[in-house]
């Protein structure tokens, strides 16, 4: 999380969302930590 924060700061991105999917029902076939960084667009709430 700190590495992502630092990278976003270097890129000048202040607002972003992190998404972590876990498990086969979330689409994983190889189980590992996998983080999506969503940025540079308006994101609604609730997500989805």
C-alpha atoms as a PDB file:
ATOM      1  CA  UNK A   1       0.000   0.000   0.000  1.00  0.00           C
ATOM      2  CA  UNK A   2       2.863   2.369   0.738  1.00  0.00           C
ATOM      3  CA  UNK A   3       4.517   1.539  -2.594  1.00  0.00           C
ATOM      4  CA  UNK A   4       1.248   2.271  -4.421  1.00  0.00           C
ATOM      5  CA  UNK A   5       0.824   5.553  -2.539  1.00  0.00           C
ATOM      6  CA  UNK A   6       4.385   6.578  -3.424  1.00  0.00           C
ATOM      7  CA  UNK A   7       3.925   5.673  -7.089  1.00  0.00           C
ATOM      8  CA  UNK A   8       0.666   7.600  -7.307  1.00  0.00           C
ATOM      9  CA  UNK A   9       2.389  10.632  -5.762  1.00  0.00           C
ATOM     10  CA  UNK A  10       5.203  10.399  -8.340  1.00  0.00           C
ATOM     11  CA  UNK A  11       2.584  10.316 -11.112  1.00  0.00           C
ATOM     12  CA  UNK A  12       0.746  13.295  -9.619  1.00  0.00           C
ATOM     13  CA  UNK A  13      -2.401  11.254  -8.991  1.00  0.00           C
ATOM     14  CA  UNK A  14      -4.178  12.284  -5.793  1.00  0.00           C
ATOM     15  CA  UNK A  15      -7.465  10.368  -6.058  1.00  0.00           C
ATOM     16  CA  UNK A  16      -7.596   6.647  -6.774  1.00  0.00           C
ATOM     17  CA  UNK A  17      -9.295   3.441  -5.684  1.00  0.00           C
ATOM     18  CA  UNK A  18      -7.611   0.142  -4.893  1.00  0.00           C
ATOM     19  CA  UNK A  19      -9.461  -3.105  -5.572  1.00  0.00           C
ATOM     20  CA  UNK A  20      -8.327  -6.506  -4.299  1.00  0.00           C
ATOM     21  CA  UNK A  21     -10.115  -9.606  -5.596  1.00  0.00           C
ATOM     22  CA  UNK A  22      -9.837 -12.837  -3.629  1.00  0.00           C
ATOM     23  CA  UNK A  23     -11.128 -16.323  -4.360  1.00  0.00           C
ATOM     24  CA  UNK A  24     -12.567 -18.274  -7.257  1.00  0.00           C
ATOM     25  CA  UNK A  25     -15.942 -16.496  -7.076  1.00  0.00           C
ATOM     26  CA  UNK A  26     -14.056 -13.225  -7.641  1.00  0.00           C
ATOM     27  CA  UNK A  27     -12.450 -14.628 -10.781  1.00  0.00           C
ATOM     28  CA  UNK A  28      -9.122 -15.891  -9.482  1.00  0.00           C
ATOM     29  CA  UNK A  29      -7.716 -19.114 -10.904  1.00  0.00           C
ATOM     30  CA  UNK A  30      -4.222 -18.644  -9.446  1.00  0.00           C
ATOM     31  CA  UNK A  31      -4.483 -17.507  -5.835  1.00  0.00           C
ATOM     32  CA  UNK A  32      -2.176 -14.569  -5.118  1.00  0.00           C
ATOM     33  CA  UNK A  33      -2.335 -10.958  -3.973  1.00  0.00           C
ATOM     34  CA  UNK A  34      -3.424  -8.858  -6.912  1.00  0.00           C
ATOM     35  CA  UNK A  35      -4.297  -5.159  -6.637  1.00  0.00           C
ATOM     36  CA  UNK A  36      -6.022  -3.043  -9.279  1.00  0.00           C
ATOM     37  CA  UNK A  37      -5.405   0.711  -9.195  1.00  0.00           C
ATOM     38  CA  UNK A  38      -8.318   2.679 -10.647  1.00  0.00           C
ATOM     39  CA  UNK A  39      -7.606   6.336 -11.345  1.00  0.00           C
ATOM     40  CA  UNK A  40      -8.019   9.252 -13.733  1.00  0.00           C
ATOM     41  CA  UNK A  41     -11.810   9.011 -13.911  1.00  0.00           C
ATOM     42  CA  UNK A  42     -14.796   9.705 -11.698  1.00  0.00           C
ATOM     43  CA  UNK A  43     -15.693   6.647  -9.632  1.00  0.00           C
ATOM     44  CA  UNK A  44     -19.181   6.222  -8.234  1.00  0.00           C
ATOM     45  CA  UNK A  45     -20.306   4.739  -4.933  1.00  0.00           C
ATOM     46  CA  UNK A  46     -21.291   2.065  -4.303  1.00  0.00           C
ATOM     47  CA  UNK A  47     -18.856   0.425  -6.733  1.00  0.00           C
ATOM     48  CA  UNK A  48     -20.068  -2.047  -9.325  1.00  0.00           C
END
